[in-house]
C-alpha atoms as a PDB file:
ATOM      1  CA  MET A   1     -23.434  -5.547  37.998  1.00  0.00           C
ATOM      2  CA  PRO A   2     -21.886  -6.935  35.000  1.00  0.00           C
ATOM      3  CA  THR A   3     -24.497  -9.357  33.174  1.00  0.00           C
ATOM      4  CA  SER A   4     -22.811 -13.253  32.613  1.00  0.00           C
ATOM      5  CA  ASP A   5     -24.561 -16.132  31.220  1.00  0.00           C
ATOM      6  CA  HIS A   6     -26.306 -19.178  32.974  1.00  0.00           C
ATOM      7  CA  ASP A   7     -22.573 -20.793  33.685  1.00  0.00           C
ATOM      8  CA  GLY A   8     -21.155 -17.830  34.900  1.00  0.00           C
ATOM      9  CA  ARG A   9     -19.165 -16.550  32.044  1.00  0.00           C
ATOM     10  CA  GLY A  10     -19.771 -13.986  30.692  1.00  0.00           C
ATOM     11  CA  PRO A  11     -18.804 -12.280  26.615  1.00  0.00           C
ATOM     12  CA  ASP A  12     -15.565 -10.780  27.499  1.00  0.00           C
ATOM     13  CA  ASP A  13     -14.641 -14.150  29.587  1.00  0.00           C
ATOM     14  CA  PRO A  14     -11.195 -15.188  28.323  1.00  0.00           C
ATOM     15  CA  GLU A  15     -13.089 -18.864  27.636  1.00  0.00           C
ATOM     16  CA  SER A  16     -15.989 -17.754  25.841  1.00  0.00           C
ATOM     17  CA  ARG A  17     -13.371 -15.426  23.878  1.00  0.00           C
ATOM     18  CA  SER A  18     -11.193 -18.280  22.479  1.00  0.00           C
ATOM     19  CA  LEU A  19     -14.360 -20.420  21.519  1.00  0.00           C
ATOM     20  CA  VAL A  20     -14.369 -18.668  18.837  1.00  0.00           C
ATOM     21  CA  LEU A  21     -10.744 -19.005  17.848  1.00  0.00           C
ATOM     22  CA  ARG A  22     -10.926 -23.121  18.866  1.00  0.00           C
ATOM     23  CA  LEU A  23     -14.101 -22.626  16.337  1.00  0.00           C
ATOM     24  CA  LEU A  24     -12.503 -21.018  13.688  1.00  0.00           C
ATOM     25  CA  ASP A  25      -9.175 -23.695  14.078  1.00  0.00           C
ATOM     26  CA  LYS A  26     -11.286 -26.235  14.229  1.00  0.00           C
ATOM     27  CA  ALA A  27     -13.125 -25.377  10.619  1.00  0.00           C
ATOM     28  CA  ILE A  28      -9.512 -24.627   9.272  1.00  0.00           C
ATOM     29  CA  GLU A  29      -8.233 -28.208  10.302  1.00  0.00           C
ATOM     30  CA  THR A  30     -11.551 -30.120   8.890  1.00  0.00           C
ATOM     31  CA  GLN A  31     -11.807 -28.435   5.646  1.00  0.00           C
ATOM     32  CA  SER A  32      -7.900 -27.824   4.857  1.00  0.00           C
ATOM     33  CA  PRO A  33      -7.885 -31.965   2.721  1.00  0.00           C
ATOM     34  CA  MET A  34     -10.659 -30.893   1.129  1.00  0.00           C
ATOM     35  CA  VAL A  35      -9.529 -27.742  -0.646  1.00  0.00           C
ATOM     36  CA  SER A  36      -8.640 -30.194  -3.871  1.00  0.00           C
ATOM     37  CA  LYS A  37     -12.481 -32.038  -3.974  1.00  0.00           C
ATOM     38  CA  ASN A  38     -13.437 -28.838  -3.769  1.00  0.00           C
ATOM     39  CA  ILE A  39     -11.258 -27.296  -7.060  1.00  0.00           C
ATOM     40  CA  THR A  40     -12.363 -30.366  -8.583  1.00  0.00           C
ATOM     41  CA  ARG A  41     -16.047 -29.692  -7.922  1.00  0.00           C
ATOM     42  CA  ALA A  42     -15.989 -26.364  -9.540  1.00  0.00           C
ATOM     43  CA  ARG A  43     -14.153 -28.034 -12.412  1.00  0.00           C
ATOM     44  CA  HIS A  44     -16.955 -30.461 -13.230  1.00  0.00           C
ATOM     45  CA  ARG A  45     -19.057 -28.106 -15.424  1.00  0.00           C
ATOM     46  CA  ASN A  46     -16.072 -27.369 -17.504  1.00  0.00           C
ATOM     47  CA  ARG A  47     -12.557 -29.502 -17.083  1.00  0.00           C
ATOM     48  CA  ALA A  48     -10.701 -27.695 -19.554  1.00  0.00           C
ATOM     49  CA  ALA A  49     -11.775 -24.001 -17.472  1.00  0.00           C
ATOM     50  CA  THR A  50      -8.679 -22.150 -16.866  1.00  0.00           C
ATOM     51  CA  PRO A  51      -7.699 -21.011 -13.138  1.00  0.00           C
ATOM     52  CA  ALA A  52      -9.568 -17.326 -13.625  1.00  0.00           C
ATOM     53  CA  GLU A  53     -12.577 -19.422 -14.213  1.00  0.00           C
ATOM     54  CA  VAL A  54     -12.366 -21.782 -11.210  1.00  0.00           C
ATOM     55  CA  VAL A  55     -12.114 -19.134  -8.637  1.00  0.00           C
ATOM     56  CA  ARG A  56     -15.778 -17.628 -10.431  1.00  0.00           C
ATOM     57  CA  ALA A  57     -16.743 -20.871  -9.815  1.00  0.00           C
ATOM     58  CA  LEU A  58     -15.763 -20.947  -6.067  1.00  0.00           C
ATOM     59  CA  GLU A  59     -16.860 -17.669  -5.897  1.00  0.00           C
ATOM     60  CA  ARG A  60     -20.207 -18.447  -7.145  1.00  0.00           C
ATOM     61  CA  MET A  61     -20.401 -21.935  -4.697  1.00  0.00           C
ATOM     62  CA  TYR A  62     -19.388 -19.673  -1.801  1.00  0.00           C
ATOM     63  CA  LEU A  63     -21.944 -17.199  -1.852  1.00  0.00           C
ATOM     64  CA  ALA A  64     -24.724 -19.637  -2.756  1.00  0.00           C
ATOM     65  CA  THR A  65     -23.910 -21.636  -0.215  1.00  0.00           C
ATOM     66  CA  GLN A  66     -23.713 -19.432   2.305  1.00  0.00           C
ATOM     67  CA  THR A  67     -27.221 -17.620   0.745  1.00  0.00           C
ATOM     68  CA  THR A  68     -29.015 -20.879   0.932  1.00  0.00           C
ATOM     69  CA  THR A  69     -27.654 -22.229   4.280  1.00  0.00           C
ATOM     70  CA  GLY A  70     -28.747 -17.972   6.031  1.00  0.00           C
ATOM     71  CA  ALA A  71     -32.351 -18.055   4.393  1.00  0.00           C
ATOM     72  CA  ALA A  72     -32.689 -22.024   5.966  1.00  0.00           C
ATOM     73  CA  VAL A  73     -32.313 -20.752   8.851  1.00  0.00           C
ATOM     74  CA  GLY A  74     -34.148 -17.191   8.949  1.00  0.00           C
ATOM     75  CA  GLY A  75     -37.556 -19.763   6.908  1.00  0.00           C
ATOM     76  CA  ALA A  76     -36.983 -21.677  10.660  1.00  0.00           C
ATOM     77  CA  ALA A  77     -38.527 -18.154  12.609  1.00  0.00           C
ATOM     78  CA  ALA A  78     -41.720 -18.094  10.685  1.00  0.00           C
ATOM     79  CA  VAL A  79     -42.560 -21.683  12.322  1.00  0.00           C
ATOM     80  CA  PRO A  80     -45.506 -20.624  14.781  1.00  0.00           C
ATOM     81  CA  ALA A  81     -44.250 -21.437  18.248  1.00  0.00           C
ATOM     82  CA  ILE A  82     -41.004 -22.736  18.150  1.00  0.00           C
ATOM     83  CA  GLY A  83     -39.599 -20.953  14.820  1.00  0.00           C
ATOM     84  CA  THR A  84     -37.342 -18.366  16.980  1.00  0.00           C
ATOM     85  CA  GLY A  85     -36.044 -20.793  18.917  1.00  0.00           C
ATOM     86  CA  LEU A  86     -35.249 -23.008  16.412  1.00  0.00           C
ATOM     87  CA  ALA A  87     -33.860 -20.466  14.495  1.00  0.00           C
ATOM     88  CA  LEU A  88     -31.515 -19.122  17.167  1.00  0.00           C
ATOM     89  CA  ALA A  89     -30.146 -22.673  17.619  1.00  0.00           C
ATOM     90  CA  MET A  90     -29.964 -23.452  13.756  1.00  0.00           C
ATOM     91  CA  SER A  91     -27.873 -20.235  14.027  1.00  0.00           C
ATOM     92  CA  ALA A  92     -25.717 -21.696  16.503  1.00  0.00           C
ATOM     93  CA  GLY A  93     -24.514 -24.230  14.428  1.00  0.00           C
ATOM     94  CA  GLU A  94     -24.593 -22.280  11.701  1.00  0.00           C
ATOM     95  CA  ALA A  95     -21.931 -20.045  12.684  1.00  0.00           C
ATOM     96  CA  LEU A  96     -19.495 -23.351  12.804  1.00  0.00           C
ATOM     97  CA  THR A  97     -21.006 -24.128   8.881  1.00  0.00           C
ATOM     98  CA  SER A  98     -20.350 -20.518   8.149  1.00  0.00           C
ATOM     99  CA  LEU A  99     -16.514 -20.511   9.095  1.00  0.00           C
ATOM    100  CA  GLU A 100     -16.180 -24.211   7.412  1.00  0.00           C
ATOM    101  CA  VAL A 101     -17.484 -22.944   3.826  1.00  0.00           C
ATOM    102  CA  SER A 102     -15.082 -19.167   4.213  1.00  0.00           C
ATOM    103  CA  ALA A 103     -12.217 -21.291   5.613  1.00  0.00           C
ATOM    104  CA  LEU A 104     -12.359 -23.903   2.442  1.00  0.00           C
ATOM    105  CA  PHE A 105     -13.338 -21.341   0.090  1.00  0.00           C
ATOM    106  CA  VAL A 106     -10.369 -18.927   0.957  1.00  0.00           C
ATOM    107  CA  LEU A 107      -8.420 -21.993   0.832  1.00  0.00           C
ATOM    108  CA  SER A 108      -9.370 -23.399  -2.009  1.00  0.00           C
ATOM    109  CA  VAL A 109      -8.809 -19.847  -4.250  1.00  0.00           C
ATOM    110  CA  SER A 110      -5.331 -19.922  -2.081  1.00  0.00           C
ATOM    111  CA  ASP A 111      -4.655 -23.536  -4.008  1.00  0.00           C
ATOM    112  CA  VAL A 112      -5.351 -22.228  -7.830  1.00  0.00           C
ATOM    113  CA  HIS A 113      -2.803 -19.241  -7.304  1.00  0.00           C
ATOM    114  CA  GLY A 114      -0.338 -21.983  -5.994  1.00  0.00           C
ATOM    115  CA  ILE A 115      -0.257 -20.471  -2.976  1.00  0.00           C
ATOM    116  CA  PRO A 116       0.209 -23.483  -0.787  1.00  0.00           C
ATOM    117  CA  VAL A 117      -0.778 -23.094   2.620  1.00  0.00           C
ATOM    118  CA  ASP A 118       1.523 -26.409   4.730  1.00  0.00           C
ATOM    119  CA  GLU A 119       1.952 -24.486   7.799  1.00  0.00           C
ATOM    120  CA  VAL A 120      -0.879 -23.986  10.776  1.00  0.00           C
ATOM    121  CA  GLU A 121      -0.244 -20.559  11.118  1.00  0.00           C
ATOM    122  CA  ARG A 122       0.126 -19.548   7.716  1.00  0.00           C
ATOM    123  CA  ARG A 123      -3.233 -21.442   6.897  1.00  0.00           C
ATOM    124  CA  ARG A 124      -5.004 -18.831   9.731  1.00  0.00           C
ATOM    125  CA  ALA A 125      -3.243 -15.684   9.284  1.00  0.00           C
ATOM    126  CA  LEU A 126      -4.479 -16.030   5.296  1.00  0.00           C
ATOM    127  CA  VAL A 127      -8.042 -17.252   6.425  1.00  0.00           C
ATOM    128  CA  LEU A 128      -8.175 -14.428   9.201  1.00  0.00           C
ATOM    129  CA  GLY A 129      -7.066 -11.452   7.019  1.00  0.00           C
ATOM    130  CA  ILE A 130      -9.221 -12.166   4.702  1.00  0.00           C
ATOM    131  CA  LEU A 131     -12.230 -12.613   7.258  1.00  0.00           C
ATOM    132  CA  LEU A 132     -11.274  -9.410   9.123  1.00  0.00           C
ATOM    133  CA  GLY A 133     -11.098  -7.002   5.189  1.00  0.00           C
ATOM    134  CA  GLY A 134      -9.477  -4.080   5.016  1.00  0.00           C
ATOM    135  CA  GLY A 135      -8.525  -4.153   8.842  1.00  0.00           C
ATOM    136  CA  GLY A 136      -7.118  -7.393   8.639  1.00  0.00           C
ATOM    137  CA  ARG A 137      -4.854  -6.495   5.687  1.00  0.00           C
ATOM    138  CA  LYS A 138      -4.261  -3.506   7.841  1.00  0.00           C
ATOM    139  CA  THR A 139      -3.145  -5.209  10.052  1.00  0.00           C
ATOM    140  CA  ILE A 140      -0.794  -7.162   8.359  1.00  0.00           C
ATOM    141  CA  ALA A 141       0.991  -4.655   6.380  1.00  0.00           C
ATOM    142  CA  GLU A 142       1.883  -3.055   9.668  1.00  0.00           C
ATOM    143  CA  ALA A 143       3.373  -6.134  11.141  1.00  0.00           C
ATOM    144  CA  THR A 144       5.633  -6.770   7.663  1.00  0.00           C
ATOM    145  CA  ASN A 145       6.329  -3.320   6.273  1.00  0.00           C
ATOM    146  CA  ARG A 146       4.567  -4.148   3.292  1.00  0.00           C
ATOM    147  CA  THR A 147       1.993  -2.588   1.813  1.00  0.00           C
ATOM    148  CA  ALA A 148       1.619  -3.727  -1.666  1.00  0.00           C
ATOM    149  CA  ARG A 149      -1.795  -5.129  -3.048  1.00  0.00           C
ATOM    150  CA  HIS A 150      -2.626  -8.704  -3.157  1.00  0.00           C
ATOM    151  CA  TRP A 151      -0.929  -9.949   0.444  1.00  0.00           C
ATOM    152  CA  ALA A 152      -1.327 -13.369   0.148  1.00  0.00           C
ATOM    153  CA  ARG A 153       1.455 -14.237  -1.543  1.00  0.00           C
ATOM    154  CA  HIS A 154       3.913 -12.334   0.864  1.00  0.00           C
ATOM    155  CA  VAL A 155       2.164 -13.668   3.945  1.00  0.00           C
ATOM    156  CA  VAL A 156       2.706 -17.211   2.836  1.00  0.00           C
ATOM    157  CA  ASP A 157       6.165 -17.214   1.420  1.00  0.00           C
ATOM    158  CA  GLY A 158       7.789 -14.467   3.139  1.00  0.00           C
ATOM    159  CA  VAL A 159       7.288 -13.887   6.897  1.00  0.00           C
ATOM    160  CA  PRO A 160       9.004 -15.751   9.266  1.00  0.00           C
ATOM    161  CA  ALA A 161       7.135 -18.188  11.716  1.00  0.00           C
ATOM    162  CA  GLN A 162       7.853 -16.062  14.426  1.00  0.00           C
ATOM    163  CA  THR A 163       6.161 -13.039  12.660  1.00  0.00           C
ATOM    164  CA  LEU A 164       3.205 -14.645  11.907  1.00  0.00           C
ATOM    165  CA  ARG A 165       1.899 -15.523  15.538  1.00  0.00           C
ATOM    166  CA  GLN A 166       1.807 -12.004  16.705  1.00  0.00           C
ATOM    167  CA  ILE A 167       0.548 -11.249  13.618  1.00  0.00           C
ATOM    168  CA  ASN A 168      -2.553 -14.287  14.581  1.00  0.00           C
ATOM    169  CA  LYS A 169      -2.380 -12.577  18.050  1.00  0.00           C
ATOM    170  CA  VAL A 170      -3.418  -9.082  16.956  1.00  0.00           C
ATOM    171  CA  LEU A 171      -5.741 -10.310  14.302  1.00  0.00           C
ATOM    172  CA  GLY A 172      -7.333 -12.884  16.550  1.00  0.00           C
ATOM    173  CA  GLN A 173      -8.011 -10.161  19.041  1.00  0.00           C
ATOM    174  CA  ASN A 174     -10.181  -8.227  16.505  1.00  0.00           C
ATOM    175  CA  PHE A 175     -11.853 -11.666  14.755  1.00  0.00           C
ATOM    176  CA  ILE A 176     -13.061 -12.344  18.167  1.00  0.00           C
ATOM    177  CA  THR A 177     -15.216  -8.503  17.868  1.00  0.00           C
ATOM    178  CA  LYS A 178     -15.769  -7.831  14.807  1.00  0.00           C
ATOM    179  CA  TYR A 179     -17.355 -10.993  13.787  1.00  0.00           C
ATOM    180  CA  GLY A 180     -18.940 -11.526  17.291  1.00  0.00           C
ATOM    181  CA  SER A 181     -20.767  -8.144  15.868  1.00  0.00           C
ATOM    182  CA  LYS A 182     -21.341  -9.665  12.314  1.00  0.00           C
ATOM    183  CA  GLN A 183     -22.973 -12.731  13.774  1.00  0.00           C
ATOM    184  CA  GLY A 184     -25.169 -10.826  16.343  1.00  0.00           C
ATOM    185  CA  ILE A 185     -26.722  -9.098  13.125  1.00  0.00           C
ATOM    186  CA  VAL A 186     -27.184 -11.781  11.457  1.00  0.00           C
ATOM    187  CA  VAL A 187     -29.398 -13.725  13.630  1.00  0.00           C
ATOM    188  CA  LEU A 188     -31.373 -10.865  14.431  1.00  0.00           C
ATOM    189  CA  GLY A 189     -32.622 -10.876  10.714  1.00  0.00           C
ATOM    190  CA  ARG A 190     -32.921 -15.289  10.379  1.00  0.00           C
ATOM    191  CA  ILE A 191     -35.116 -14.603  13.541  1.00  0.00           C
ATOM    192  CA  VAL A 192     -37.454 -12.210  12.416  1.00  0.00           C
ATOM    193  CA  PRO A 193     -41.025 -13.613  12.653  1.00  0.00           C
ATOM    194  CA  PHE A 194     -43.820 -14.079   9.737  1.00  0.00           C
ATOM    195  CA  GLY A 195     -41.475 -14.809   7.201  1.00  0.00           C
ATOM    196  CA  ILE A 196     -39.241 -12.115   6.433  1.00  0.00           C
ATOM    197  CA  GLY A 197     -36.969 -14.085   8.503  1.00  0.00           C
ATOM    198  CA  ALA A 198     -36.021 -16.150   5.659  1.00  0.00           C
ATOM    199  CA  ALA A 199     -34.868 -12.955   2.993  1.00  0.00           C
ATOM    200  CA  LEU A 200     -33.166 -11.096   5.474  1.00  0.00           C
ATOM    201  CA  GLY A 201     -31.083 -14.168   6.711  1.00  0.00           C
ATOM    202  CA  GLY A 202     -29.865 -15.123   3.362  1.00  0.00           C
ATOM    203  CA  GLY A 203     -29.684 -11.248   2.310  1.00  0.00           C
ATOM    204  CA  ALA A 204     -27.376 -11.042   5.363  1.00  0.00           C
ATOM    205  CA  SER A 205     -25.070 -14.291   4.854  1.00  0.00           C
ATOM    206  CA  ALA A 206     -24.332 -13.065   0.992  1.00  0.00           C
ATOM    207  CA  LEU A 207     -23.752  -9.474   2.358  1.00  0.00           C
ATOM    208  CA  LEU A 208     -21.288 -11.021   4.151  1.00  0.00           C
ATOM    209  CA  ALA A 209     -20.084 -13.797   1.929  1.00  0.00           C
ATOM    210  CA  GLY A 210     -19.443 -10.942  -0.294  1.00  0.00           C
ATOM    211  CA  GLY A 211     -17.007  -9.186   1.339  1.00  0.00           C
ATOM    212  CA  CYS A 212     -15.327 -12.316   1.481  1.00  0.00           C
ATOM    213  CA  VAL A 213     -15.249 -12.558  -1.701  1.00  0.00           C
ATOM    214  CA  LYS A 214     -14.073  -9.203  -2.179  1.00  0.00           C
ATOM    215  CA  ALA A 215     -11.298  -9.481   0.748  1.00  0.00           C
ATOM    216  CA  THR A 216     -10.345 -12.556  -1.564  1.00  0.00           C
ATOM    217  CA  ARG A 217      -9.869 -10.544  -4.803  1.00  0.00           C
ATOM    218  CA  TYR A 218      -7.486  -8.561  -2.749  1.00  0.00           C
ATOM    219  CA  ALA A 219      -5.937 -10.120  -1.058  1.00  0.00           C
ATOM    220  CA  PHE A 220      -4.392 -12.732  -4.190  1.00  0.00           C
ATOM    221  CA  GLY A 221      -5.055 -10.286  -6.977  1.00  0.00           C
ATOM    222  CA  PRO A 222      -5.916 -11.811 -10.892  1.00  0.00           C
ATOM    223  CA  ALA A 223      -5.453 -15.842 -11.432  1.00  0.00           C
ATOM    224  CA  PRO A 224      -3.056 -17.016 -13.289  1.00  0.00           C
ATOM    225  CA  GLU A 225      -3.455 -17.886 -16.793  1.00  0.00           C
ATOM    226  CA  ALA A 226      -2.497 -21.068 -17.087  1.00  0.00           C
ATOM    227  CA  TRP A 227      -2.285 -23.811 -14.464  1.00  0.00           C
ATOM    228  CA  PRO A 228       1.225 -25.483 -14.062  1.00  0.00           C
ATOM    229  CA  ALA A 229       2.813 -27.760 -16.391  1.00  0.00           C
ATOM    230  CA  GLY A 230       2.304 -31.118 -15.495  1.00  0.00           C
END
């Protein structure tokens, strides 16, 4: 007999599956207005920073945030009696935070590259494609018949809205499966007792964030040499 949760919905229930995508859309929606502030923060220590230097700063900020959050959740598992339960509860909330931080990072890098993502479908395709890594890149290449590196600008500038919706449908289904599996690994790492959870939680989050940074570099390519005039 298939298992289900307390309200009768199993993990493959359409409502449960669509929740993941709703969380992603919420993350993109809430973080899009924060892009300019995030870039300003990345330039804070060096007002004369080049676009490439700002991208590197954004990467460091992203990796640090993800690692710190993962370690904090993992550290809660070491608390006697309440550690594991607390870590599980914190992980549920951190899943949304992780998506928000990732969406902000991707959209910020896009802005530095001079690629404004004003439409919802284009933002979604960009974030999904990068978070899925090689699988997302392959899906986009097959749908657009474009196999060149640095695909981000092609998706934003040259793909019709209807094609984007089809791409996002496929990316969304892949994301539900792959993100759920990866998040499960991270959660297990965080709830290990005896204080080990902090190291594993932070390490697992850093590993996933590192994959996102690598995928972003591939999607966008080298940063512009200078900021636009004016």
